[in-house]
């Protein structure tokens, strides 16, 4: 059974930034609607709502987000090795069932992480419109917003690199598979260390 094929979906998939923009618009809309209903209609304290949202999503983003980045690095390594390896059997392994599974998981988990970051940003913006805050608190919220936007841009870039066709720009600078593998293994080591550190 194949998935639905339609012009709008094909138009979105033709450019990944269109797909991410569409998804982001949905996530922002859902986050605003949920926050608006909770704060303005159900009487939940705006600060309490933000704290609950942060306490719920924060640990998940830290763990799942780091794991998704780890998978993204592994997926990007497979994509670059696919381009540079000469042995057809090794090339097939990078895009076979196991390699394909890694690449699909990396794409889907990084999408979830991106959605979680966008949800936090949208919630923060909504709460700032609801709550009267001092200039100092605005500065703190602004700093948090900058950090969230930076991480959002980073995970969005990783997602696009994983999901798009072809290797990363690294291949244009490094052509030897062993050197490419060394770069990605170093990145994997750093991310794994961070993941293990945050779990302890």
Protein backbone atom coordinates (compact mmCIF):
# COMPACT_ATOMS: atom_id res chain seq x y z
CA UNK A 1 0.00 0.00 0.00
CA UNK A 2 1.53 3.32 -1.04
CA UNK A 3 1.07 6.73 0.54
CA UNK A 4 -1.16 9.39 -0.98
CA UNK A 5 0.28 11.25 -3.95
CA UNK A 6 -1.04 14.76 -4.57
CA UNK A 7 0.15 18.05 -6.07
CA UNK A 8 0.30 19.96 -2.78
CA UNK A 9 2.36 17.27 -1.06
CA UNK A 10 4.69 17.04 -4.04
CA UNK A 11 5.06 20.84 -4.05
CA UNK A 12 6.04 20.76 -0.37
CA UNK A 13 8.53 17.93 -0.86
CA UNK A 14 10.17 19.64 -3.83
CA UNK A 15 11.81 22.09 -1.40
CA UNK A 16 12.42 20.98 2.16
CA UNK A 17 12.20 24.53 3.49
CA UNK A 18 8.58 24.60 2.27
CA UNK A 19 7.86 21.40 4.16
CA UNK A 20 9.45 22.75 7.35
CA UNK A 21 7.65 26.09 6.99
CA UNK A 22 4.32 24.31 6.62
CA UNK A 23 4.98 22.04 9.60
CA UNK A 24 6.24 24.97 11.70
CA UNK A 25 3.08 26.96 10.94
CA UNK A 26 0.98 24.05 12.20
CA UNK A 27 3.07 23.66 15.36
CA UNK A 28 2.89 27.39 16.10
CA UNK A 29 -0.86 27.41 15.54
CA UNK A 30 -1.39 24.43 17.85
CA UNK A 31 0.88 25.91 20.54
CA UNK A 32 -0.91 29.27 20.43
CA UNK A 33 -4.35 27.66 20.46
CA UNK A 34 -3.48 25.37 23.39
CA UNK A 35 -1.89 28.17 25.41
CA UNK A 36 -4.72 30.59 24.61
CA UNK A 37 -7.38 28.14 25.75
CA UNK A 38 -5.48 27.26 28.93
CA UNK A 39 -4.65 30.81 29.98
CA UNK A 40 -7.55 32.89 28.69
CA UNK A 41 -10.44 30.43 29.03
CA UNK A 42 -9.51 27.93 31.73
CA UNK A 43 -7.87 30.49 33.99
CA UNK A 44 -4.51 28.77 34.27
CA UNK A 45 -1.79 31.14 35.44
CA UNK A 46 0.35 32.19 32.47
CA UNK A 47 3.57 31.75 34.45
CA UNK A 48 2.40 28.37 35.77
CA UNK A 49 1.52 27.25 32.23
CA UNK A 50 4.96 28.23 30.94
CA UNK A 51 6.65 26.47 33.86
CA UNK A 52 4.67 23.27 33.26
CA UNK A 53 5.40 23.38 29.55
CA UNK A 54 9.11 23.95 30.19
CA UNK A 55 9.31 21.26 32.87
CA UNK A 56 7.58 18.77 30.57
CA UNK A 57 9.33 19.47 27.29
CA UNK A 58 12.72 20.56 28.66
CA UNK A 59 13.98 17.14 29.84
CA UNK A 60 12.55 15.44 26.74
CA UNK A 61 14.25 17.92 24.43
CA UNK A 62 17.51 17.44 26.28
CA UNK A 63 17.43 13.66 26.00
CA UNK A 64 15.49 12.99 22.80
CA UNK A 65 17.02 16.04 21.11
CA UNK A 66 20.55 14.91 21.86
CA UNK A 67 19.72 11.37 20.71
CA UNK A 68 18.17 12.71 17.50
CA UNK A 69 21.29 14.78 16.81
CA UNK A 70 23.39 11.67 17.42
CA UNK A 71 21.31 9.81 14.84
CA UNK A 72 21.56 12.80 12.48
CA UNK A 73 25.35 12.67 12.67
CA UNK A 74 25.29 8.92 11.99
CA UNK A 75 22.84 9.40 9.10
CA UNK A 76 24.95 12.18 7.57
CA UNK A 77 28.03 9.98 7.84
CA UNK A 78 26.20 7.23 5.94
CA UNK A 79 25.10 9.71 3.26
CA UNK A 80 28.65 11.05 2.81
CA UNK A 81 30.16 7.57 2.80
CA UNK A 82 27.62 6.53 0.18
CA UNK A 83 29.07 9.24 -2.06
CA UNK A 84 32.76 8.53 -1.41
CA UNK A 85 33.02 4.75 -0.95
CA UNK A 86 34.15 2.81 -3.99
CA UNK A 87 33.03 -0.68 -3.02
CA UNK A 88 29.44 -1.26 -4.29
CA UNK A 89 28.64 -3.57 -1.36
CA UNK A 90 29.64 -0.90 1.17
CA UNK A 91 27.70 1.75 -0.74
CA UNK A 92 24.63 -0.51 -0.67
CA UNK A 93 25.02 -0.96 3.10
CA UNK A 94 24.87 2.81 3.69
CA UNK A 95 21.41 3.00 2.08
CA UNK A 96 20.09 -0.50 2.79
CA UNK A 97 17.46 -1.45 5.37
CA UNK A 98 19.62 -0.69 8.41
CA UNK A 99 21.16 2.44 6.93
CA UNK A 100 17.75 3.55 5.71
CA UNK A 101 16.26 2.96 9.15
CA UNK A 102 18.91 5.15 10.77
CA UNK A 103 18.30 7.91 8.22
CA UNK A 104 14.51 7.73 8.66
CA UNK A 105 14.75 7.76 12.47
CA UNK A 106 17.14 10.71 12.33
CA UNK A 107 14.73 12.64 10.13
CA UNK A 108 11.63 11.88 12.22
CA UNK A 109 13.22 12.43 15.65
CA UNK A 110 14.83 15.68 14.57
CA UNK A 111 11.40 16.80 13.30
CA UNK A 112 9.93 16.05 16.73
CA UNK A 113 12.74 17.99 18.40
CA UNK A 114 12.18 20.90 16.04
CA UNK A 115 8.47 20.86 16.86
CA UNK A 116 9.22 20.86 20.59
CA UNK A 117 11.54 23.86 20.28
CA UNK A 118 8.99 25.78 18.19
CA UNK A 119 6.28 24.94 20.73
CA UNK A 120 8.40 26.39 23.54
CA UNK A 121 9.14 29.55 21.54
CA UNK A 122 5.47 30.05 20.65
CA UNK A 123 4.44 29.50 24.27
CA UNK A 124 7.05 31.97 25.50
CA UNK A 125 5.83 34.63 23.05
CA UNK A 126 2.19 34.05 24.03
CA UNK A 127 2.95 34.33 27.74
CA UNK A 128 4.94 37.54 27.26
CA UNK A 129 1.83 39.12 25.73
CA UNK A 130 -0.26 37.98 28.70
CA UNK A 131 2.00 38.76 31.67
CA UNK A 132 3.33 42.18 32.66
CA UNK A 133 7.07 41.85 33.13
CA UNK A 134 9.85 44.23 34.04
CA UNK A 135 12.66 45.29 31.71
CA UNK A 136 14.99 42.86 33.49
CA UNK A 137 12.54 39.99 32.99
CA UNK A 138 12.18 40.93 29.33
CA UNK A 139 15.96 40.71 29.01
CA UNK A 140 15.94 37.23 30.57
CA UNK A 141 13.07 36.12 28.32
CA UNK A 142 14.85 37.60 25.31
CA UNK A 143 18.05 35.72 26.14
CA UNK A 144 16.07 32.48 26.50
CA UNK A 145 14.34 33.19 23.20
CA UNK A 146 17.66 33.73 21.42
CA UNK A 147 19.00 30.42 22.74
CA UNK A 148 15.81 28.60 21.69
CA UNK A 149 15.89 30.16 18.20
CA UNK A 150 19.57 29.24 17.80
CA UNK A 151 18.90 25.61 18.75
CA UNK A 152 15.84 25.59 16.50
CA UNK A 153 17.89 26.79 13.53
CA UNK A 154 20.57 24.18 14.29
CA UNK A 155 18.15 21.24 14.47
CA UNK A 156 16.29 22.49 11.38
CA UNK A 157 19.57 22.55 9.45
CA UNK A 158 20.40 19.03 10.62
CA UNK A 159 16.95 17.83 9.58
CA UNK A 160 17.26 19.35 6.11
CA UNK A 161 20.71 17.84 5.60
CA UNK A 162 19.44 14.40 6.61
CA UNK A 163 16.25 14.46 4.56
CA UNK A 164 17.49 16.07 1.37
CA UNK A 165 18.96 14.09 -1.50
CA UNK A 166 22.75 13.94 -1.81
CA UNK A 167 25.72 14.28 0.54
CA UNK A 168 26.64 17.16 2.85
CA UNK A 169 29.01 20.00 1.87
CA UNK A 170 31.74 18.15 3.81
CA UNK A 171 32.26 15.88 0.80
CA UNK A 172 33.41 18.84 -1.30
CA UNK A 173 36.28 19.40 1.15
CA UNK A 174 37.12 15.87 2.31
CA UNK A 175 37.14 13.09 -0.26
CA UNK A 176 38.60 10.14 1.68
CA UNK A 177 36.06 7.87 3.42
CA UNK A 178 38.33 7.25 6.42
CA UNK A 179 38.78 10.98 7.02
CA UNK A 180 35.03 11.54 6.70
CA UNK A 181 34.34 8.72 9.15
CA UNK A 182 36.88 10.19 11.60
CA UNK A 183 35.11 13.58 11.57
CA UNK A 184 31.73 12.04 12.23
CA UNK A 185 33.02 9.61 14.86
CA UNK A 186 34.49 12.57 16.75
CA UNK A 187 31.10 14.31 16.63
CA UNK A 188 29.35 11.11 17.73
CA UNK A 189 31.74 10.77 20.66
CA UNK A 190 31.00 14.31 21.84
CA UNK A 191 27.22 13.87 21.56
CA UNK A 192 27.30 10.45 23.25
CA UNK A 193 29.33 11.91 26.10
CA UNK A 194 26.78 14.72 26.49
CA UNK A 195 23.87 12.27 26.44
CA UNK A 196 25.46 10.03 29.08
CA UNK A 197 26.41 13.06 31.21
CA UNK A 198 22.87 14.46 31.24
CA UNK A 199 21.43 11.06 32.17
CA UNK A 200 23.64 10.77 35.28
